[in-house]
Amino acid sequence: MNGEVAPFVLPGPPLARNTLAGWDAYRRTRKSFAPAPVLDRDAWRALSRRRRQIHDLHRAATHANLPVLSTPMSRAVGKLLTSRIETNALKQQPTTRAGVMVTGGGYQGKTESVCEIIATFEDRWRELLGHVNPEALAGTRDLHAPVAYVQTPVTAKPKSLCKAILSFYDAPFHVKLDLPELIRLVADCLHDHGTKVLILDDITRLRMHRSDDQDTLDLIRAFMSMHVTLVLVGVNIQTSGLLREGLRDAATGQWTLASASSRRVNGLEATQTERRFDLVELGPFRYGSSASIAAWVRHLTGVENALRLLDARPGMLSTGTMPEYLYERTGGVVGLLERLIEDGCREAMDCGQEHLTEALLDTIAIDLDGSPARDVGAGEVPPVPSRKRAVAKRGRNTVFDDRGPAGEAG
């Protein structure tokens, strides 16, 4: 390779979307990964030893970066979210913008779906404006940031949330600033960067029995007066307590949250407009009707088309008893399915089987322990369905081994 890095091995750490530079890099490169070419075993054997190793590494990278596939649930989320964001972005009146809450269980793909939907909006919005911020002040050099992505701090307080938003923009602030000053800085950043959408991920880390978290929710409501679309993403929002004081309109499906208890929220003027949110759920696949089973099978077909096992066959995941088996193993949760298939492909490559079977997948445990970015107490780690057969001990990773002519003959 003449010392060059393989194009599928990205240098440096993974992108951090909770910074302006990281989000912009994600938006621009999110579809740039090129999967490994499809080769059967004969074509693989015809490669040199070095090219086989590189191809195997590329296949492993392909299985570790499976595409985010559209599902009936994500399409419903996309329709509502895109409509709300675009409508709000085009508003000229100084009124409170309605927000959106995206809920669902852990590992349902909420964050990835929301980020993809909103990154697509930003692509169109930038193109519409000629990639120029029309709200920029003359003589300033603020970057155009139509979208801000922020993760709710595990122990959220109004100040820590403001600092997380300011950190997204890499905005300088003094650690001793009081809350009203921090809020004004947040408002300035949202305006000066032309931000139209503020994503607050992992919002159910707020615990409504804590006074700090109640103050933080009041602050979030007040953000809706800053002329941005507030998108809250969290696990099982309906049961988290965030909607405890809300009222659901049966006609529109919107949740109405009363304005903060005081007329001013930590120095930010509260309008008389109640805060309205559309609540949409990104749930798992179901297996109780012909239509839901067909949707699950179509999804499995999309997954198997993305795999690069040498002996893979059409219908490997989507025919016979495999769809029911995979549903039993994952409960229809797309994140658990991705974990099972990713690890299963690695095992199939390691042992030389090069295709997936129920027997092989029975040796794979879906282990969600030790996920540092997920808060177990907030429901971000779901229960994993139990397996039907005992798990065999996995052997050494041999993906880079040269098996020689005897090993290749299989």
Protein backbone atom coordinates (compact mmCIF):
# COMPACT_ATOMS: atom_id res chain seq x y z
CA MET A 1 0.00 0.00 0.00
CA ASN A 2 3.11 2.18 -0.19
CA GLY A 3 2.61 3.51 3.33
CA GLU A 4 -0.83 4.99 2.57
CA VAL A 5 -3.71 4.49 4.97
CA ALA A 6 -6.48 2.31 3.57
CA PRO A 7 -9.47 4.54 2.71
CA PHE A 8 -11.79 2.55 4.98
CA VAL A 9 -9.56 3.04 8.03
CA LEU A 10 -10.29 6.53 9.29
CA PRO A 11 -7.38 8.18 11.12
CA GLY A 12 -8.00 9.65 14.55
CA PRO A 13 -10.87 9.17 17.01
CA PRO A 14 -14.54 8.85 15.94
CA LEU A 15 -16.38 12.06 15.17
CA ALA A 16 -17.90 13.86 18.17
CA ARG A 17 -21.18 15.33 16.97
CA ASN A 18 -21.52 17.47 20.10
CA THR A 19 -19.09 20.05 18.68
CA LEU A 20 -19.71 22.33 15.72
CA ALA A 21 -16.70 20.97 13.83
CA GLY A 22 -17.66 17.38 14.65
CA TRP A 23 -21.28 17.82 13.61
CA ASP A 24 -20.25 19.48 10.33
CA ALA A 25 -17.79 16.67 9.60
CA TYR A 26 -20.51 14.10 10.34
CA ARG A 27 -22.97 15.89 8.05
CA ARG A 28 -20.51 16.07 5.16
CA THR A 29 -19.07 12.55 5.47
CA ARG A 30 -21.97 10.49 6.80
CA LYS A 31 -22.50 8.72 3.45
CA SER A 32 -18.89 8.59 2.32
CA PHE A 33 -17.97 5.12 3.60
CA ALA A 34 -17.38 2.73 0.70
CA PRO A 35 -18.18 -0.90 1.58
CA ALA A 36 -15.92 -3.71 0.47
CA PRO A 37 -16.56 -5.09 -3.01
CA VAL A 38 -18.61 -8.28 -3.22
CA LEU A 39 -16.33 -11.29 -3.77
CA ASP A 40 -17.09 -14.99 -3.64
CA ARG A 41 -14.60 -17.50 -2.29
CA ASP A 42 -13.03 -18.20 -5.70
CA ALA A 43 -12.42 -14.50 -6.38
CA TRP A 44 -10.97 -14.12 -2.86
CA ARG A 45 -8.60 -17.04 -3.41
CA ALA A 46 -7.33 -15.41 -6.62
CA LEU A 47 -6.04 -12.41 -4.64
CA SER A 48 -2.50 -12.22 -3.33
CA ARG A 49 -1.96 -12.90 0.36
CA ARG A 50 -1.56 -9.19 1.06
CA ARG A 51 -4.68 -8.26 -0.89
CA ARG A 52 -6.69 -10.92 0.97
CA GLN A 53 -5.66 -9.42 4.30
CA ILE A 54 -6.64 -5.96 3.12
CA HIS A 55 -9.93 -7.21 1.72
CA ASP A 56 -10.71 -9.06 4.97
CA LEU A 57 -10.03 -5.89 6.93
CA HIS A 58 -12.28 -3.96 4.55
CA ARG A 59 -15.01 -6.55 5.04
CA ALA A 60 -14.67 -6.26 8.81
CA ALA A 61 -14.95 -2.47 8.49
CA THR A 62 -18.05 -2.90 6.31
CA HIS A 63 -19.74 -5.04 8.95
CA ALA A 64 -18.76 -2.54 11.65
CA ASN A 65 -20.33 0.31 9.65
CA LEU A 66 -23.62 -1.15 8.49
CA PRO A 67 -25.84 1.50 6.89
CA VAL A 68 -28.73 3.10 8.78
CA LEU A 69 -31.68 1.60 6.91
CA SER A 70 -35.04 3.26 6.58
CA THR A 71 -37.86 1.54 8.47
CA PRO A 72 -41.60 2.24 8.66
CA MET A 73 -41.00 3.71 12.11
CA SER A 74 -38.13 5.97 11.06
CA ARG A 75 -40.11 7.19 8.04
CA ALA A 76 -42.94 8.26 10.32
CA VAL A 77 -40.46 10.12 12.52
CA GLY A 78 -38.87 11.71 9.45
CA LYS A 79 -42.17 12.93 8.07
CA LEU A 80 -43.20 14.69 11.27
CA LEU A 81 -39.75 15.99 12.17
CA THR A 82 -38.98 17.38 8.72
CA SER A 83 -42.38 19.07 8.47
CA ARG A 84 -42.04 20.71 11.89
CA ILE A 85 -38.45 21.89 11.34
CA GLU A 86 -39.06 23.32 7.87
CA THR A 87 -42.26 25.08 8.93
CA ASN A 88 -40.55 26.66 11.93
CA ALA A 89 -37.47 27.66 9.91
CA LEU A 90 -39.67 29.59 7.48
CA LYS A 91 -41.64 31.43 10.18
CA GLN A 92 -41.14 35.18 10.28
CA GLN A 93 -43.31 35.97 13.30
CA PRO A 94 -41.62 36.29 16.72
CA THR A 95 -43.71 33.47 18.14
CA THR A 96 -42.66 30.40 20.10
CA ARG A 97 -41.74 27.52 17.81
CA ALA A 98 -43.38 24.18 18.52
CA GLY A 99 -40.89 21.45 19.38
CA VAL A 100 -40.64 17.71 18.80
CA MET A 101 -40.00 14.89 21.24
CA VAL A 102 -38.65 11.63 19.80
CA THR A 103 -39.04 8.70 22.15
CA GLY A 104 -38.54 4.94 22.15
CA GLY A 105 -36.63 2.22 23.94
CA GLY A 106 -32.86 1.92 24.20
CA TYR A 107 -30.92 0.83 21.08
CA GLN A 108 -33.87 1.69 18.81
CA GLY A 109 -31.71 3.94 16.63
CA LYS A 110 -33.32 7.18 17.79
CA THR A 111 -30.15 9.27 17.76
CA GLU A 112 -28.92 7.98 14.40
CA SER A 113 -32.34 8.42 12.77
CA VAL A 114 -32.81 11.93 14.16
CA CYS A 115 -29.29 13.00 13.18
CA GLU A 116 -29.73 11.65 9.65
CA ILE A 117 -33.11 13.39 9.23
CA ILE A 118 -31.85 16.71 10.54
CA ALA A 119 -28.55 16.53 8.64
CA THR A 120 -30.62 16.07 5.47
CA PHE A 121 -32.62 19.20 6.40
CA GLU A 122 -29.37 21.11 6.93
CA ASP A 123 -28.06 20.03 3.52
CA ARG A 124 -31.18 21.45 1.86
CA TRP A 125 -31.22 24.56 4.04
CA ARG A 126 -27.60 25.42 3.26
CA GLU A 127 -28.22 24.92 -0.44
CA LEU A 128 -31.30 27.14 -0.28
CA LEU A 129 -29.28 29.95 1.33
CA GLY A 130 -26.29 29.54 -0.94
CA HIS A 131 -24.22 28.27 2.01
CA VAL A 132 -24.28 31.74 3.57
CA ASN A 133 -25.73 32.74 6.93
CA PRO A 134 -28.23 35.52 6.10
CA GLU A 135 -28.40 36.53 9.77
CA ALA A 136 -24.67 37.14 10.16
CA LEU A 137 -23.71 40.57 11.44
CA ALA A 138 -21.61 42.72 9.14
CA GLY A 139 -17.92 42.42 9.92
CA THR A 140 -18.26 39.20 11.93
CA ARG A 141 -16.95 35.74 11.12
CA ASP A 142 -19.36 33.50 13.02
CA LEU A 143 -19.65 30.09 11.38
CA HIS A 144 -23.01 29.13 9.93
CA ALA A 145 -24.48 26.37 12.11
CA PRO A 146 -28.12 25.65 11.19
CA VAL A 147 -28.10 22.68 13.61
CA ALA A 148 -26.67 22.29 17.12
CA TYR A 149 -26.41 18.83 18.67
CA VAL A 150 -26.00 18.64 22.45
CA GLN A 151 -26.05 15.67 24.81
CA THR A 152 -27.84 16.28 28.09
CA PRO A 153 -25.31 16.05 30.95
CA VAL A 154 -25.73 12.95 33.10
CA THR A 155 -26.19 15.19 36.15
CA ALA A 156 -28.04 18.06 34.53
CA LYS A 157 -28.27 21.53 35.99
CA PRO A 158 -29.25 24.74 34.21
CA LYS A 159 -25.66 25.95 34.21
CA SER A 160 -24.22 22.65 32.98
CA LEU A 161 -26.74 22.53 30.13
CA CYS A 162 -25.87 26.09 29.08
CA LYS A 163 -22.18 25.23 29.18
CA ALA A 164 -22.79 22.12 27.06
CA ILE A 165 -24.50 24.26 24.41
CA LEU A 166 -21.74 26.88 24.51
CA SER A 167 -19.14 24.12 24.22
CA PHE A 168 -20.80 22.95 21.00
CA TYR A 169 -19.98 26.34 19.47
CA ASP A 170 -16.57 26.47 21.19
CA ALA A 171 -17.76 29.78 22.60
CA PRO A 172 -15.52 31.28 25.30
CA PHE A 173 -17.13 31.86 28.68
CA HIS A 174 -15.91 32.52 32.19
CA VAL A 175 -16.53 29.68 34.63
CA LYS A 176 -17.82 32.15 37.22
CA LEU A 177 -20.61 33.57 35.03
CA ASP A 178 -24.01 33.46 36.67
CA LEU A 179 -26.97 31.73 35.03
CA PRO A 180 -28.64 34.78 33.39
CA GLU A 181 -25.32 35.66 31.74
CA LEU A 182 -24.89 32.10 30.48
CA ILE A 183 -28.43 32.12 29.06
CA ARG A 184 -27.73 35.36 27.20
CA LEU A 185 -24.59 33.82 25.73
CA VAL A 186 -26.60 30.79 24.59
CA ALA A 187 -29.20 33.05 22.96
CA ASP A 188 -26.45 35.03 21.23
CA CYS A 189 -24.79 31.86 19.92
CA LEU A 190 -28.05 30.47 18.53
CA HIS A 191 -28.79 33.75 16.76
CA ASP A 192 -25.30 34.62 15.55
CA HIS A 193 -24.75 31.18 14.03
CA GLY A 194 -28.16 31.11 12.33
CA THR A 195 -29.17 27.99 14.28
CA LYS A 196 -32.63 26.70 13.39
CA VAL A 197 -32.61 23.37 15.22
CA LEU A 198 -31.33 22.57 18.72
CA ILE A 199 -31.13 18.82 19.42
CA LEU A 200 -30.99 17.82 23.08
CA ASP A 201 -30.19 14.12 23.15
CA ASP A 202 -30.64 11.78 26.13
CA ILE A 203 -33.18 14.18 27.62
CA THR A 204 -34.58 11.51 29.95
CA ARG A 205 -31.42 11.77 32.01
CA LEU A 206 -33.41 14.48 33.76
CA ARG A 207 -35.00 13.10 36.92
CA MET A 208 -38.06 15.11 37.83
CA HIS A 209 -37.77 14.37 41.56
CA ARG A 210 -34.63 16.55 41.67
CA SER A 211 -35.05 20.29 41.93
CA ASP A 212 -32.04 20.95 39.66
CA ASP A 213 -33.61 18.84 36.94
CA GLN A 214 -36.94 20.65 37.29
CA ASP A 215 -35.11 23.97 36.88
CA THR A 216 -33.35 22.54 33.82
CA LEU A 217 -36.67 21.56 32.24
CA ASP A 218 -37.96 25.09 32.86
CA LEU A 219 -34.87 26.39 31.08
CA ILE A 220 -35.46 24.04 28.14
CA ARG A 221 -38.99 25.35 27.81
CA ALA A 222 -37.61 28.87 27.75
CA PHE A 223 -35.23 27.94 24.91
CA MET A 224 -38.31 27.65 22.71
CA SER A 225 -38.58 31.44 22.79
CA MET A 226 -35.19 31.71 21.03
CA HIS A 227 -36.72 31.01 17.59
CA VAL A 228 -35.26 27.53 17.21
CA THR A 229 -36.97 24.17 16.84
CA LEU A 230 -36.23 22.22 19.98
CA VAL A 231 -35.84 18.47 19.36
CA LEU A 232 -35.73 16.37 22.52
CA VAL A 233 -34.58 12.76 22.16
CA GLY A 234 -34.97 10.29 25.02
CA VAL A 235 -35.92 6.83 26.21
CA ASN A 236 -39.60 6.29 27.07
CA ILE A 237 -40.39 9.97 27.52
CA GLN A 238 -44.02 9.18 28.35
CA THR A 239 -43.03 7.46 31.59
CA SER A 240 -40.02 9.62 32.48
CA GLY A 241 -41.90 12.41 34.25
CA LEU A 242 -41.10 15.04 31.62
CA LEU A 243 -44.77 15.15 30.61
CA ARG A 244 -46.08 15.02 34.16
CA GLU A 245 -47.60 18.50 33.91
CA GLY A 246 -48.47 18.24 30.22
CA LEU A 247 -51.83 17.88 28.53
CA ARG A 248 -52.34 15.91 25.33
CA ASP A 249 -54.64 17.32 22.67
CA ALA A 250 -56.62 14.35 21.35
CA ALA A 251 -57.33 16.13 18.05
CA THR A 252 -53.77 17.11 17.14
CA GLY A 253 -51.77 14.63 19.22
CA GLN A 254 -49.63 17.49 20.54
CA TRP A 255 -48.55 17.78 24.14
CA THR A 256 -48.98 21.18 25.75
CA LEU A 257 -46.53 22.00 28.51
CA ALA A 258 -47.37 24.93 30.73
CA SER A 259 -44.93 27.81 30.75
CA ALA A 260 -42.47 27.91 33.60
CA SER A 261 -43.95 28.72 36.96
CA SER A 262 -42.44 32.21 37.11
CA ARG A 263 -43.00 34.95 34.60
CA ARG A 264 -39.25 35.05 34.09
CA VAL A 265 -37.06 31.96 33.79
CA ASN A 266 -33.69 32.74 35.30
CA GLY A 267 -33.68 36.15 33.69
CA LEU A 268 -35.20 35.04 30.36
CA GLU A 269 -38.61 36.53 29.64
CA ALA A 270 -41.31 33.86 29.44
CA THR A 271 -44.08 34.50 26.91
CA GLN A 272 -47.71 33.67 27.49
CA THR A 273 -47.58 31.08 24.73
CA GLU A 274 -47.67 27.58 26.13
CA ARG A 275 -44.92 25.29 24.99
CA ARG A 276 -46.15 22.71 22.50
CA PHE A 277 -44.43 19.49 21.50
CA ASP A 278 -45.22 16.82 18.96
CA LEU A 279 -44.40 13.44 20.47
CA VAL A 280 -43.40 10.68 18.05
CA GLU A 281 -42.18 7.20 18.92
CA LEU A 282 -39.46 5.22 17.19
CA GLY A 283 -40.41 1.74 18.31
CA PRO A 284 -39.18 -1.79 17.50
CA PHE A 285 -40.42 -3.99 14.70
CA ARG A 286 -43.47 -6.08 15.53
CA TYR A 287 -44.21 -9.68 14.61
CA GLY A 288 -47.94 -9.94 15.14
CA SER A 289 -49.40 -9.46 11.66
CA SER A 290 -48.59 -10.26 8.04
CA ALA A 291 -47.75 -6.62 7.34
CA SER A 292 -45.40 -6.31 10.32
CA ILE A 293 -43.65 -9.59 9.50
CA ALA A 294 -43.23 -8.47 5.89
CA ALA A 295 -41.66 -5.20 7.07
CA TRP A 296 -39.24 -7.15 9.28
CA VAL A 297 -38.27 -9.45 6.40
CA ARG A 298 -37.69 -6.45 4.10
CA HIS A 299 -35.39 -4.96 6.72
CA LEU A 300 -33.46 -8.22 7.03
CA THR A 301 -33.10 -8.29 3.25
CA GLY A 302 -31.57 -4.82 3.37
CA VAL A 303 -29.16 -5.94 6.11
CA GLU A 304 -28.06 -9.07 4.26
CA ASN A 305 -27.41 -7.05 1.09
CA ALA A 306 -24.89 -4.99 3.07
CA LEU A 307 -22.92 -8.04 4.29
CA ARG A 308 -19.68 -9.18 2.67
CA LEU A 309 -19.31 -12.84 3.68
CA LEU A 310 -17.70 -15.00 0.98
CA ASP A 311 -20.33 -17.76 1.09
CA ALA A 312 -23.34 -15.54 1.70
CA ARG A 313 -26.44 -16.48 -0.24
CA PRO A 314 -29.64 -14.59 -1.09
CA GLY A 315 -32.15 -15.03 1.71
CA MET A 316 -29.48 -15.88 4.29
CA LEU A 317 -31.28 -13.71 6.87
CA SER A 318 -34.72 -13.34 5.30
CA THR A 319 -35.92 -16.86 4.46
CA GLY A 320 -36.78 -20.04 6.32
CA THR A 321 -36.88 -19.83 10.10
CA MET A 322 -34.15 -17.16 10.28
CA PRO A 323 -36.51 -14.11 10.46
CA GLU A 324 -38.37 -15.59 13.43
CA TYR A 325 -35.09 -16.61 15.07
CA LEU A 326 -33.60 -13.13 14.69
CA TYR A 327 -36.77 -11.59 16.07
CA GLU A 328 -36.63 -13.85 19.13
CA ARG A 329 -32.98 -12.91 19.69
CA THR A 330 -33.50 -9.15 19.33
CA GLY A 331 -37.16 -8.39 20.02
CA GLY A 332 -37.22 -6.42 16.77
CA VAL A 333 -34.82 -3.80 18.17
CA VAL A 334 -32.62 -2.59 15.32
CA GLY A 335 -29.63 -1.82 17.55
CA LEU A 336 -29.61 -5.33 19.01
CA LEU A 337 -29.96 -6.81 15.54
CA GLU A 338 -26.98 -4.77 14.34
CA ARG A 339 -24.87 -5.92 17.30
CA LEU A 340 -25.78 -9.60 16.73
CA ILE A 341 -25.12 -9.48 12.98
CA GLU A 342 -21.87 -7.54 13.36
CA ASP A 343 -20.47 -10.01 15.89
CA GLY A 344 -21.85 -12.96 13.93
CA CYS A 345 -20.09 -11.83 10.76
CA ARG A 346 -16.83 -11.49 12.63
CA GLU A 347 -17.19 -15.03 13.99
CA ALA A 348 -18.10 -16.37 10.53
CA MET A 349 -14.91 -14.83 9.14
CA ASP A 350 -12.77 -16.04 12.04
CA CYS A 351 -13.87 -19.67 11.78
CA GLY A 352 -13.89 -19.72 7.97
CA GLN A 353 -17.62 -20.55 7.70
CA GLU A 354 -18.29 -17.29 5.80
CA HIS A 355 -22.07 -17.36 6.17
CA LEU A 356 -24.55 -16.94 9.02
CA THR A 357 -26.65 -19.72 10.50
CA GLU A 358 -28.76 -20.05 13.61
CA ALA A 359 -26.17 -22.42 15.08
CA LEU A 360 -23.38 -19.88 14.62
CA LEU A 361 -25.47 -17.00 15.97
CA ASP A 362 -26.30 -19.11 19.02
CA THR A 363 -22.64 -18.81 19.98
CA ILE A 364 -22.90 -14.99 20.02
CA ALA A 365 -23.91 -13.20 23.22
CA ILE A 366 -25.35 -9.70 22.85
CA ASP A 367 -23.40 -8.02 25.63
CA LEU A 368 -24.43 -4.42 26.39
CA ASP A 369 -22.52 -4.14 29.65
CA GLY A 370 -19.88 -1.49 29.96
CA SER A 371 -21.38 1.02 27.49
CA PRO A 372 -19.77 4.21 28.84
CA ALA A 373 -21.90 6.59 26.75
CA ARG A 374 -25.21 5.17 28.01
CA ASP A 375 -26.97 5.79 31.31
CA VAL A 376 -28.45 2.53 32.56
CA GLY A 377 -30.62 4.37 35.08
CA ALA A 378 -32.27 6.37 32.30
CA GLY A 379 -33.29 3.21 30.43
CA GLU A 380 -30.71 3.67 27.66
CA VAL A 381 -29.64 0.01 27.88
CA PRO A 382 -32.56 -2.33 27.09
CA PRO A 383 -33.02 -5.89 28.35
CA VAL A 384 -31.64 -8.47 25.93
CA PRO A 385 -33.87 -11.46 25.07
CA SER A 386 -32.42 -14.73 26.34
CA ARG A 387 -30.97 -17.24 23.89
CA LYS A 388 -32.39 -20.69 23.33
CA ARG A 389 -29.07 -22.56 23.44
CA ALA A 390 -25.94 -22.25 25.54
CA VAL A 391 -23.13 -20.07 24.31
CA ALA A 392 -19.90 -21.73 23.27
CA LYS A 393 -16.63 -20.12 24.20
CA ARG A 394 -15.28 -18.00 21.34
CA GLY A 395 -11.79 -18.71 20.06
CA ARG A 396 -8.93 -16.46 19.11
CA ASN A 397 -9.49 -13.76 16.48
CA THR A 398 -7.90 -15.16 13.28
CA VAL A 399 -9.22 -12.76 10.65
CA PHE A 400 -5.73 -11.71 9.59
CA ASP A 401 -4.30 -15.25 9.53
CA ASP A 402 -3.30 -16.82 6.25
CA ARG A 403 -4.96 -20.23 6.35
CA GLY A 404 -2.86 -21.62 3.48
CA PRO A 405 -4.03 -23.88 0.65
CA ALA A 406 -5.60 -26.45 2.98
CA GLY A 407 -7.65 -23.85 4.80
CA GLU A 408 -8.68 -22.20 1.55
CA ALA A 409 -10.01 -25.41 0.11
CA GLY A 410 -12.98 -25.32 2.49
